[in-house]
C-alpha atoms as a PDB file:
ATOM      1  CA  PRO A   1     -36.641 -44.027  22.329  1.00  0.00           C
ATOM      2  CA  SER A   2     -40.373 -44.023  21.642  1.00  0.00           C
ATOM      3  CA  LEU A   3     -40.450 -40.240  22.092  1.00  0.00           C
ATOM      4  CA  LEU A   4     -37.564 -39.706  19.667  1.00  0.00           C
ATOM      5  CA  SER A   5     -39.056 -42.046  17.126  1.00  0.00           C
ATOM      6  CA  SER A   6     -42.332 -40.146  17.215  1.00  0.00           C
ATOM      7  CA  VAL A   7     -40.612 -36.796  16.385  1.00  0.00           C
ATOM      8  CA  SER A   8     -40.023 -36.175  12.694  1.00  0.00           C
ATOM      9  CA  LEU A   9     -36.745 -34.372  11.882  1.00  0.00           C
ATOM     10  CA  SER A  10     -37.242 -34.319   8.129  1.00  0.00           C
ATOM     11  CA  PRO A  11     -38.243 -30.581   7.943  1.00  0.00           C
ATOM     12  CA  LEU A  12     -35.006 -29.656   9.699  1.00  0.00           C
ATOM     13  CA  LEU A  13     -32.624 -31.631   7.457  1.00  0.00           C
ATOM     14  CA  PRO A  14     -31.867 -31.151   3.761  1.00  0.00           C
ATOM     15  CA  SER A  15     -32.800 -33.865   1.351  1.00  0.00           C
ATOM     16  CA  PRO A  16     -30.168 -36.519   0.516  1.00  0.00           C
ATOM     17  CA  GLN A  17     -30.191 -35.373  -3.125  1.00  0.00           C
ATOM     18  CA  LEU A  18     -29.355 -31.790  -2.146  1.00  0.00           C
ATOM     19  CA  VAL A  19     -26.555 -32.921   0.160  1.00  0.00           C
ATOM     20  CA  ARG A  20     -24.969 -35.039  -2.582  1.00  0.00           C
ATOM     21  CA  ALA A  21     -25.251 -32.247  -5.154  1.00  0.00           C
ATOM     22  CA  THR A  22     -23.730 -29.474  -3.008  1.00  0.00           C
ATOM     23  CA  ALA A  23     -21.181 -31.465  -1.005  1.00  0.00           C
ATOM     24  CA  PRO A  24     -18.292 -31.205  -3.515  1.00  0.00           C
ATOM     25  CA  PHE A  25     -18.713 -27.428  -3.810  1.00  0.00           C
ATOM     26  CA  PHE A  26     -18.764 -26.699  -0.098  1.00  0.00           C
ATOM     27  CA  THR A  27     -16.028 -29.156   0.820  1.00  0.00           C
ATOM     28  CA  MET A  28     -13.614 -27.834  -1.813  1.00  0.00           C
ATOM     29  CA  SER A  29     -14.318 -24.093  -1.455  1.00  0.00           C
ATOM     30  CA  ARG A  30     -14.663 -23.886   2.326  1.00  0.00           C
ATOM     31  CA  ARG A  31     -12.308 -26.563   3.588  1.00  0.00           C
ATOM     32  CA  TYR A  32      -9.070 -24.595   3.292  1.00  0.00           C
ATOM     33  CA  ASP A  33      -9.982 -20.899   3.565  1.00  0.00           C
ATOM     34  CA  SER A  34     -11.363 -20.787   7.111  1.00  0.00           C
ATOM     35  CA  HIS A  35      -7.937 -20.695   8.832  1.00  0.00           C
ATOM     36  CA  THR A  36      -4.589 -19.131   8.048  1.00  0.00           C
ATOM     37  CA  THR A  37      -2.815 -22.247   9.306  1.00  0.00           C
ATOM     38  CA  ILE A  38      -4.283 -24.656   6.716  1.00  0.00           C
ATOM     39  CA  PHE A  39      -2.622 -25.083   3.336  1.00  0.00           C
ATOM     40  CA  SER A  40      -4.730 -25.977   0.327  1.00  0.00           C
ATOM     41  CA  PRO A  41      -3.637 -28.917  -1.875  1.00  0.00           C
ATOM     42  CA  GLU A  42      -2.086 -26.326  -4.230  1.00  0.00           C
ATOM     43  CA  GLY A  43       0.039 -24.969  -1.375  1.00  0.00           C
ATOM     44  CA  ARG A  44      -1.910 -21.709  -0.935  1.00  0.00           C
ATOM     45  CA  LEU A  45      -3.058 -19.842   2.164  1.00  0.00           C
ATOM     46  CA  TYR A  46      -6.399 -18.413   1.154  1.00  0.00           C
ATOM     47  CA  GLN A  47      -6.861 -16.037   4.097  1.00  0.00           C
ATOM     48  CA  VAL A  48      -3.595 -14.276   3.229  1.00  0.00           C
ATOM     49  CA  GLU A  49      -4.706 -13.995  -0.388  1.00  0.00           C
ATOM     50  CA  TYR A  50      -8.055 -12.579   0.743  1.00  0.00           C
ATOM     51  CA  ALA A  51      -6.196  -9.924   2.753  1.00  0.00           C
ATOM     52  CA  MET A  52      -4.218  -8.966  -0.354  1.00  0.00           C
ATOM     53  CA  GLU A  53      -7.462  -8.784  -2.299  1.00  0.00           C
ATOM     54  CA  ALA A  54      -8.898  -6.360   0.277  1.00  0.00           C
ATOM     55  CA  ILE A  55      -5.856  -4.125  -0.226  1.00  0.00           C
ATOM     56  CA  SER A  56      -6.367  -4.067  -3.988  1.00  0.00           C
ATOM     57  CA  HIS A  57      -9.675  -2.230  -3.394  1.00  0.00           C
ATOM     58  CA  ALA A  58      -8.113   0.461  -1.173  1.00  0.00           C
ATOM     59  CA  GLY A  59      -6.876   3.884  -2.252  1.00  0.00           C
ATOM     60  CA  SER A  60      -3.648   3.721  -4.227  1.00  0.00           C
ATOM     61  CA  ALA A  61      -0.237   4.818  -2.958  1.00  0.00           C
ATOM     62  CA  VAL A  62       2.903   5.412  -5.038  1.00  0.00           C
ATOM     63  CA  GLY A  63       6.554   5.529  -4.003  1.00  0.00           C
ATOM     64  CA  ILE A  64       9.386   6.710  -6.272  1.00  0.00           C
ATOM     65  CA  LEU A  65      13.094   6.614  -5.471  1.00  0.00           C
ATOM     66  CA  ALA A  66      14.957   9.575  -6.987  1.00  0.00           C
ATOM     67  CA  SER A  67      18.656  10.354  -7.080  1.00  0.00           C
ATOM     68  CA  ASP A  68      18.336  12.891  -4.246  1.00  0.00           C
ATOM     69  CA  GLY A  69      15.318  11.693  -2.271  1.00  0.00           C
ATOM     70  CA  ILE A  70      12.047   9.765  -2.222  1.00  0.00           C
ATOM     71  CA  VAL A  71       8.519  10.808  -3.206  1.00  0.00           C
ATOM     72  CA  LEU A  72       5.339   9.357  -1.679  1.00  0.00           C
ATOM     73  CA  ALA A  73       1.885  10.086  -3.095  1.00  0.00           C
ATOM     74  CA  ALA A  74      -1.429   8.603  -1.992  1.00  0.00           C
ATOM     75  CA  GLU A  75      -5.046   8.879  -3.030  1.00  0.00           C
ATOM     76  CA  LYS A  76      -7.314  10.132  -0.280  1.00  0.00           C
ATOM     77  CA  LYS A  77     -10.785   8.576  -0.256  1.00  0.00           C
ATOM     78  CA  ILE A  78     -13.402  11.233   0.516  1.00  0.00           C
ATOM     79  CA  THR A  79     -16.663   9.510   1.434  1.00  0.00           C
ATOM     80  CA  SER A  80     -18.652  12.615   2.326  1.00  0.00           C
ATOM     81  CA  LYS A  81     -18.341  16.384   2.102  1.00  0.00           C
ATOM     82  CA  LEU A  82     -19.446  16.605   5.742  1.00  0.00           C
ATOM     83  CA  LEU A  83     -16.523  14.515   6.953  1.00  0.00           C
ATOM     84  CA  GLU A  84     -13.805  16.427   8.774  1.00  0.00           C
ATOM     85  CA  THR A  85     -10.627  15.428   6.953  1.00  0.00           C
ATOM     86  CA  MET A  86      -7.451  14.659   8.878  1.00  0.00           C
ATOM     87  CA  ASN A  87      -4.090  16.139   8.005  1.00  0.00           C
ATOM     88  CA  SER A  88      -2.860  12.738   6.886  1.00  0.00           C
ATOM     89  CA  GLU A  89      -4.645   9.421   6.698  1.00  0.00           C
ATOM     90  CA  LYS A  90      -2.348   7.588   4.254  1.00  0.00           C
ATOM     91  CA  LEU A  91       1.141   8.910   5.065  1.00  0.00           C
ATOM     92  CA  TYR A  92       2.774   8.469   8.481  1.00  0.00           C
ATOM     93  CA  LYS A  93       6.092   9.451  10.022  1.00  0.00           C
ATOM     94  CA  ILE A  94       7.813   6.610  11.883  1.00  0.00           C
ATOM     95  CA  ASP A  95      11.020   8.386  12.899  1.00  0.00           C
ATOM     96  CA  ASP A  96      12.995  11.410  11.764  1.00  0.00           C
ATOM     97  CA  HIS A  97      14.522   9.339   8.941  1.00  0.00           C
ATOM     98  CA  ILE A  98      11.706   6.857   8.156  1.00  0.00           C
ATOM     99  CA  THR A  99       8.183   7.363   6.827  1.00  0.00           C
ATOM    100  CA  CYS A 100       5.564   5.154   5.217  1.00  0.00           C
ATOM    101  CA  ALA A 101       2.438   5.087   3.065  1.00  0.00           C
ATOM    102  CA  VAL A 102      -0.389   2.610   3.706  1.00  0.00           C
ATOM    103  CA  ALA A 103      -3.099   0.940   1.657  1.00  0.00           C
ATOM    104  CA  GLY A 104      -5.779  -1.179   3.269  1.00  0.00           C
ATOM    105  CA  ILE A 105      -7.502  -1.200   6.655  1.00  0.00           C
ATOM    106  CA  THR A 106      -6.426   1.922   8.544  1.00  0.00           C
ATOM    107  CA  ALA A 107      -7.115   0.395  11.976  1.00  0.00           C
ATOM    108  CA  ASP A 108      -4.694  -2.441  11.233  1.00  0.00           C
ATOM    109  CA  ALA A 109      -2.139   0.067   9.968  1.00  0.00           C
ATOM    110  CA  ASN A 110      -2.323   2.087  13.197  1.00  0.00           C
ATOM    111  CA  ILE A 111      -1.341  -0.969  15.265  1.00  0.00           C
ATOM    112  CA  LEU A 112       1.691  -1.692  13.101  1.00  0.00           C
ATOM    113  CA  ILE A 113       2.726   1.970  12.889  1.00  0.00           C
ATOM    114  CA  ASN A 114       2.674   2.324  16.672  1.00  0.00           C
ATOM    115  CA  TYR A 115       4.714  -0.881  16.929  1.00  0.00           C
ATOM    116  CA  ALA A 116       7.246   0.445  14.381  1.00  0.00           C
ATOM    117  CA  ARG A 117       7.576   3.764  16.218  1.00  0.00           C
ATOM    118  CA  LEU A 118       8.179   1.962  19.506  1.00  0.00           C
ATOM    119  CA  GLU A 119      10.829  -0.312  17.971  1.00  0.00           C
ATOM    120  CA  ALA A 120      12.617   2.666  16.402  1.00  0.00           C
ATOM    121  CA  GLN A 121      12.833   4.444  19.758  1.00  0.00           C
ATOM    122  CA  ARG A 122      13.962   1.275  21.546  1.00  0.00           C
ATOM    123  CA  TYR A 123      16.787   0.899  19.018  1.00  0.00           C
ATOM    124  CA  MET A 124      17.786   4.540  19.479  1.00  0.00           C
ATOM    125  CA  PHE A 125      17.776   4.154  23.274  1.00  0.00           C
ATOM    126  CA  THR A 126      19.855   0.950  23.122  1.00  0.00           C
ATOM    127  CA  TYR A 127      22.436   1.820  20.456  1.00  0.00           C
ATOM    128  CA  GLN A 128      22.355   5.640  20.437  1.00  0.00           C
ATOM    129  CA  GLU A 129      21.955   5.785  16.648  1.00  0.00           C
ATOM    130  CA  PRO A 130      19.005   5.790  14.232  1.00  0.00           C
ATOM    131  CA  MET A 131      17.569   2.395  13.369  1.00  0.00           C
ATOM    132  CA  PRO A 132      18.443   1.132   9.864  1.00  0.00           C
ATOM    133  CA  VAL A 133      15.438   1.089   7.565  1.00  0.00           C
ATOM    134  CA  GLU A 134      15.558  -2.590   6.639  1.00  0.00           C
ATOM    135  CA  VAL A 135      16.060  -3.683  10.257  1.00  0.00           C
ATOM    136  CA  LEU A 136      12.880  -1.869  11.277  1.00  0.00           C
ATOM    137  CA  LEU A 137      10.964  -3.248   8.313  1.00  0.00           C
ATOM    138  CA  ARG A 138      12.074  -6.776   9.191  1.00  0.00           C
ATOM    139  CA  GLU A 139      10.735  -6.342  12.735  1.00  0.00           C
ATOM    140  CA  VAL A 140       7.348  -5.227  11.417  1.00  0.00           C
ATOM    141  CA  CYS A 141       7.199  -8.019   8.836  1.00  0.00           C
ATOM    142  CA  ASP A 142       8.057 -10.624  11.488  1.00  0.00           C
ATOM    143  CA  LEU A 143       5.031  -9.457  13.467  1.00  0.00           C
ATOM    144  CA  LYS A 144       2.832  -9.589  10.353  1.00  0.00           C
ATOM    145  CA  HIS A 145       4.094 -13.059   9.513  1.00  0.00           C
ATOM    146  CA  GLY A 146       3.327 -14.276  13.031  1.00  0.00           C
ATOM    147  CA  TYR A 147      -0.347 -13.477  12.465  1.00  0.00           C
ATOM    148  CA  THR A 148      -0.441 -16.048   9.639  1.00  0.00           C
ATOM    149  CA  GLN A 149       0.916 -18.943  11.733  1.00  0.00           C
ATOM    150  CA  TYR A 150      -1.425 -19.200  14.725  1.00  0.00           C
ATOM    151  CA  GLY A 151      -5.036 -20.293  14.856  1.00  0.00           C
ATOM    152  CA  GLY A 152      -7.591 -17.699  15.910  1.00  0.00           C
ATOM    153  CA  LEU A 153      -5.657 -14.818  14.341  1.00  0.00           C
ATOM    154  CA  ARG A 154      -6.194 -13.092  11.031  1.00  0.00           C
ATOM    155  CA  PRO A 155      -3.586 -11.392   8.843  1.00  0.00           C
ATOM    156  CA  PHE A 156      -3.198  -7.623   8.954  1.00  0.00           C
ATOM    157  CA  GLY A 157      -5.163  -6.267   6.019  1.00  0.00           C
ATOM    158  CA  VAL A 158      -2.675  -3.573   5.078  1.00  0.00           C
ATOM    159  CA  SER A 159       0.329  -3.095   2.792  1.00  0.00           C
ATOM    160  CA  PHE A 160       3.114  -0.582   3.397  1.00  0.00           C
ATOM    161  CA  LEU A 161       5.509   1.493   1.379  1.00  0.00           C
ATOM    162  CA  PHE A 162       8.425   2.139   3.758  1.00  0.00           C
ATOM    163  CA  CYS A 163      10.961   4.762   2.756  1.00  0.00           C
ATOM    164  CA  GLY A 164      13.908   6.059   4.702  1.00  0.00           C
ATOM    165  CA  TYR A 165      17.562   6.982   4.827  1.00  0.00           C
ATOM    166  CA  ASP A 166      20.460   5.459   6.745  1.00  0.00           C
ATOM    167  CA  LYS A 167      24.241   5.629   6.554  1.00  0.00           C
ATOM    168  CA  HIS A 168      24.505   2.061   5.265  1.00  0.00           C
ATOM    169  CA  HIS A 169      22.461   2.174   2.046  1.00  0.00           C
ATOM    170  CA  GLY A 170      21.321   5.789   1.626  1.00  0.00           C
ATOM    171  CA  PHE A 171      17.748   6.358   0.462  1.00  0.00           C
ATOM    172  CA  GLN A 172      15.665   3.172   0.343  1.00  0.00           C
ATOM    173  CA  LEU A 173      12.140   2.203  -0.684  1.00  0.00           C
ATOM    174  CA  TYR A 174      10.477  -1.040   0.442  1.00  0.00           C
ATOM    175  CA  GLN A 175       7.084  -2.653  -0.024  1.00  0.00           C
ATOM    176  CA  SER A 176       5.542  -5.173   2.404  1.00  0.00           C
ATOM    177  CA  ASP A 177       2.307  -7.170   2.213  1.00  0.00           C
ATOM    178  CA  PRO A 178       0.104  -9.063   4.734  1.00  0.00           C
ATOM    179  CA  SER A 179       2.094 -12.285   4.351  1.00  0.00           C
ATOM    180  CA  GLY A 180       5.168 -10.686   5.935  1.00  0.00           C
ATOM    181  CA  ASN A 181       7.166 -10.590   2.700  1.00  0.00           C
ATOM    182  CA  TYR A 182       9.015  -7.427   1.752  1.00  0.00           C
ATOM    183  CA  GLY A 183      11.254  -6.264  -1.057  1.00  0.00           C
ATOM    184  CA  GLY A 184      13.258  -3.253  -2.119  1.00  0.00           C
ATOM    185  CA  TRP A 185      11.981  -1.187  -5.043  1.00  0.00           C
ATOM    186  CA  LYS A 186      13.093   1.777  -7.130  1.00  0.00           C
ATOM    187  CA  ALA A 187       9.469   2.689  -7.855  1.00  0.00           C
ATOM    188  CA  THR A 188       6.285   0.841  -7.010  1.00  0.00           C
ATOM    189  CA  ALA A 189       2.583   1.214  -6.202  1.00  0.00           C
ATOM    190  CA  ILE A 190       0.071  -0.481  -3.901  1.00  0.00           C
ATOM    191  CA  GLY A 191      -3.702  -0.374  -3.662  1.00  0.00           C
ATOM    192  CA  ALA A 192      -6.252  -0.043  -6.432  1.00  0.00           C
ATOM    193  CA  ASN A 193      -4.983  -0.228 -10.032  1.00  0.00           C
ATOM    194  CA  HIS A 194      -1.438  -0.925  -8.838  1.00  0.00           C
ATOM    195  CA  GLN A 195      -0.621  -3.007 -11.924  1.00  0.00           C
ATOM    196  CA  SER A 196      -1.378  -0.180 -14.358  1.00  0.00           C
ATOM    197  CA  ALA A 197       0.569   2.204 -12.099  1.00  0.00           C
ATOM    198  CA  GLN A 198       3.606  -0.068 -12.162  1.00  0.00           C
ATOM    199  CA  SER A 199       3.480  -0.294 -15.955  1.00  0.00           C
ATOM    200  CA  ILE A 200       3.666   3.526 -16.145  1.00  0.00           C
ATOM    201  CA  LEU A 201       6.568   3.561 -13.688  1.00  0.00           C
ATOM    202  CA  LYS A 202       8.444   0.967 -15.763  1.00  0.00           C
ATOM    203  CA  GLN A 203       8.229   3.205 -18.821  1.00  0.00           C
ATOM    204  CA  ASP A 204       9.043   6.576 -17.230  1.00  0.00           C
ATOM    205  CA  TRP A 205      11.439   5.831 -14.350  1.00  0.00           C
ATOM    206  CA  ASN A 206      15.205   6.131 -14.857  1.00  0.00           C
ATOM    207  CA  GLU A 207      18.306   6.199 -12.663  1.00  0.00           C
ATOM    208  CA  SER A 208      18.962   9.940 -13.119  1.00  0.00           C
ATOM    209  CA  LEU A 209      15.481  11.032 -12.004  1.00  0.00           C
ATOM    210  CA  THR A 210      15.618  14.090  -9.744  1.00  0.00           C
ATOM    211  CA  LEU A 211      13.258  14.787  -6.864  1.00  0.00           C
ATOM    212  CA  SER A 212      11.289  17.435  -8.789  1.00  0.00           C
ATOM    213  CA  GLU A 213      10.932  15.101 -11.773  1.00  0.00           C
ATOM    214  CA  ALA A 214       9.828  12.283  -9.481  1.00  0.00           C
ATOM    215  CA  GLU A 215       7.125  14.549  -8.040  1.00  0.00           C
ATOM    216  CA  LEU A 216       5.648  15.112 -11.498  1.00  0.00           C
ATOM    217  CA  LEU A 217       5.876  11.401 -12.274  1.00  0.00           C
ATOM    218  CA  ALA A 218       4.006  10.571  -9.060  1.00  0.00           C
ATOM    219  CA  ILE A 219       1.263  13.038 -10.011  1.00  0.00           C
ATOM    220  CA  LYS A 220       1.048  11.439 -13.458  1.00  0.00           C
ATOM    221  CA  VAL A 221       0.721   7.926 -12.032  1.00  0.00           C
ATOM    222  CA  VAL A 222      -1.941   8.869  -9.496  1.00  0.00           C
ATOM    223  CA  ALA A 223      -3.883  10.892 -12.080  1.00  0.00           C
ATOM    224  CA  LYS A 224      -4.052   7.963 -14.494  1.00  0.00           C
ATOM    225  CA  THR A 225      -4.861   5.271 -11.940  1.00  0.00           C
ATOM    226  CA  MET A 226      -7.249   6.833  -9.434  1.00  0.00           C
ATOM    227  CA  ASP A 227     -10.975   6.122  -9.716  1.00  0.00           C
ATOM    228  CA  SER A 228     -12.262   9.715  -9.903  1.00  0.00           C
ATOM    229  CA  THR A 229     -12.115  11.610 -13.179  1.00  0.00           C
ATOM    230  CA  SER A 230     -10.637  14.875 -11.864  1.00  0.00           C
ATOM    231  CA  LEU A 231      -7.577  15.103  -9.628  1.00  0.00           C
ATOM    232  CA  THR A 232      -7.739  17.898  -7.060  1.00  0.00           C
ATOM    233  CA  SER A 233      -5.554  18.850  -4.098  1.00  0.00           C
ATOM    234  CA  ASP A 234      -8.099  17.607  -1.528  1.00  0.00           C
ATOM    235  CA  LYS A 235      -8.006  14.081  -3.016  1.00  0.00           C
ATOM    236  CA  LEU A 236      -4.250  13.686  -2.779  1.00  0.00           C
ATOM    237  CA  GLU A 237      -1.602  13.352  -0.079  1.00  0.00           C
ATOM    238  CA  PHE A 238       1.983  14.122  -0.975  1.00  0.00           C
ATOM    239  CA  ALA A 239       5.285  13.948   0.886  1.00  0.00           C
ATOM    240  CA  THR A 240       9.015  13.831   0.189  1.00  0.00           C
ATOM    241  CA  LEU A 241      12.032  12.573   2.081  1.00  0.00           C
ATOM    242  CA  SER A 242      15.294  14.318   1.219  1.00  0.00           C
ATOM    243  CA  LYS A 243      18.488  15.753   2.718  1.00  0.00           C
ATOM    244  CA  SER A 244      19.000  19.407   3.560  1.00  0.00           C
ATOM    245  CA  GLU A 245      22.112  21.413   2.745  1.00  0.00           C
ATOM    246  CA  ALA A 246      23.357  20.715   6.260  1.00  0.00           C
ATOM    247  CA  GLY A 247      23.037  16.969   5.650  1.00  0.00           C
ATOM    248  CA  ASP A 248      19.975  16.365   7.822  1.00  0.00           C
ATOM    249  CA  VAL A 249      17.146  14.107   6.666  1.00  0.00           C
ATOM    250  CA  CYS A 250      14.005  16.185   6.022  1.00  0.00           C
ATOM    251  CA  TYR A 251      10.454  14.837   5.824  1.00  0.00           C
ATOM    252  CA  LYS A 252       8.107  17.287   4.143  1.00  0.00           C
ATOM    253  CA  VAL A 253       4.331  16.936   3.887  1.00  0.00           C
ATOM    254  CA  PHE A 254       2.843  19.085   1.132  1.00  0.00           C
ATOM    255  CA  SER A 255      -0.009  21.440   1.917  1.00  0.00           C
ATOM    256  CA  ARG A 256      -3.066  21.776  -0.313  1.00  0.00           C
ATOM    257  CA  ASP A 257      -1.659  24.896  -1.943  1.00  0.00           C
ATOM    258  CA  GLU A 258       1.631  23.154  -2.717  1.00  0.00           C
ATOM    259  CA  ILE A 259      -0.220  20.160  -4.167  1.00  0.00           C
ATOM    260  CA  ALA A 260      -2.307  22.537  -6.300  1.00  0.00           C
ATOM    261  CA  GLU A 261       0.910  24.097  -7.644  1.00  0.00           C
ATOM    262  CA  LEU A 262       2.212  20.653  -8.523  1.00  0.00           C
ATOM    263  CA  LEU A 263      -1.027  19.804 -10.314  1.00  0.00           C
ATOM    264  CA  ALA A 264      -0.839  23.046 -12.307  1.00  0.00           C
ATOM    265  CA  LYS A 265       2.764  22.292 -13.232  1.00  0.00           C
ATOM    266  CA  TYR A 266       1.742  18.793 -14.315  1.00  0.00           C
ATOM    267  CA  GLU A 267      -1.008  20.203 -16.551  1.00  0.00           C
ATOM    268  CA  GLN A 268       1.525  22.555 -18.167  1.00  0.00           C
ATOM    269  CA  GLU A 269       3.905  19.671 -18.860  1.00  0.00           C
ATOM    270  CA  LYS A 270       1.002  17.679 -20.254  1.00  0.00           C
ATOM    271  CA  GLU A 271       0.091  20.476 -22.681  1.00  0.00           C
ATOM    272  CA  LYS A 272       3.722  20.770 -23.804  1.00  0.00           C
ATOM    273  CA  GLU A 273       3.817  17.055 -24.573  1.00  0.00           C
ATOM    274  CA  LYS A 274       0.621  17.351 -26.619  1.00  0.00           C
ATOM    275  CA  GLU A 275       2.102  20.231 -28.616  1.00  0.00           C
ATOM    276  CA  LYS A 276       5.252  18.206 -29.326  1.00  0.00           C
ATOM    277  CA  GLU A 277       3.192  15.244 -30.496  1.00  0.00           C
ATOM    278  CA  GLU A 278       1.138  17.475 -32.806  1.00  0.00           C
ATOM    279  CA  GLN A 279       4.298  19.014 -34.255  1.00  0.00           C
ATOM    280  CA  GLU A 280       5.813  15.587 -34.852  1.00  0.00           C
ATOM    281  CA  LYS A 281       2.622  14.430 -36.578  1.00  0.00           C
ATOM    282  CA  ALA A 282       2.642  17.530 -38.760  1.00  0.00           C
ATOM    283  CA  LYS A 283       6.286  16.940 -39.756  1.00  0.00           C
ATOM    284  CA  SER A 284       5.681  13.283 -40.550  1.00  0.00           C
ATOM    285  CA  SER A 285       2.631  14.075 -42.682  1.00  0.00           C
END
């Protein structure tokens, strides 16, 4: 006791005034966001919200449901000219009739994509028919939801746009987030500037939209929401899911040349719209 009493601990401890001044801040801001299993008094899970916030800073991805297929477009983040680009880093094929676009942490997405591919093949082996799109999505979302219910785990920091075709509901487009929730959409966007992208889709999407028209709409949305000023073929990934004349489901990934043709076609349509607006202004004046 005499030894302890002779040692001064005051340099190691904060002053009582500092503790009283900072205690409310630290207790309120750090009490509920350290675990996914702790609800805040407002009923929120902060770690799940932080995962969604991480996704909002990722490259954007757009999905559009047309009358004869589905269009997926994604912004490719190029960090360096020296980086060897992959064929696809935002769009992935799950099965012959299901594909997806991702926004968020790619490493987390790879785990879930491998899990989805395995589940699709297990279903095919068991029932000898392709797995329905929503059934597969529910399996993936159950896994994502499980990572928000156990201590020591963190949510998957990735959102998905799942699109596919089955005999029950035809072409379908779904969006899922780190919480494990999912919903069906006719057109939606994830990633950076997704709110402005959805406002454009609300104005321009309609029930009779064809696949070629949906391709131009996807280019328009990505061009107006991506961070860079100029949209080029090396900054964009593009794919469609449609049915062939024989009735087979076809997944097509666009090459750089095909994306460049789409961009040129979009610029032509843009110039035509400008000419129409100028003519209307001239008539009104």
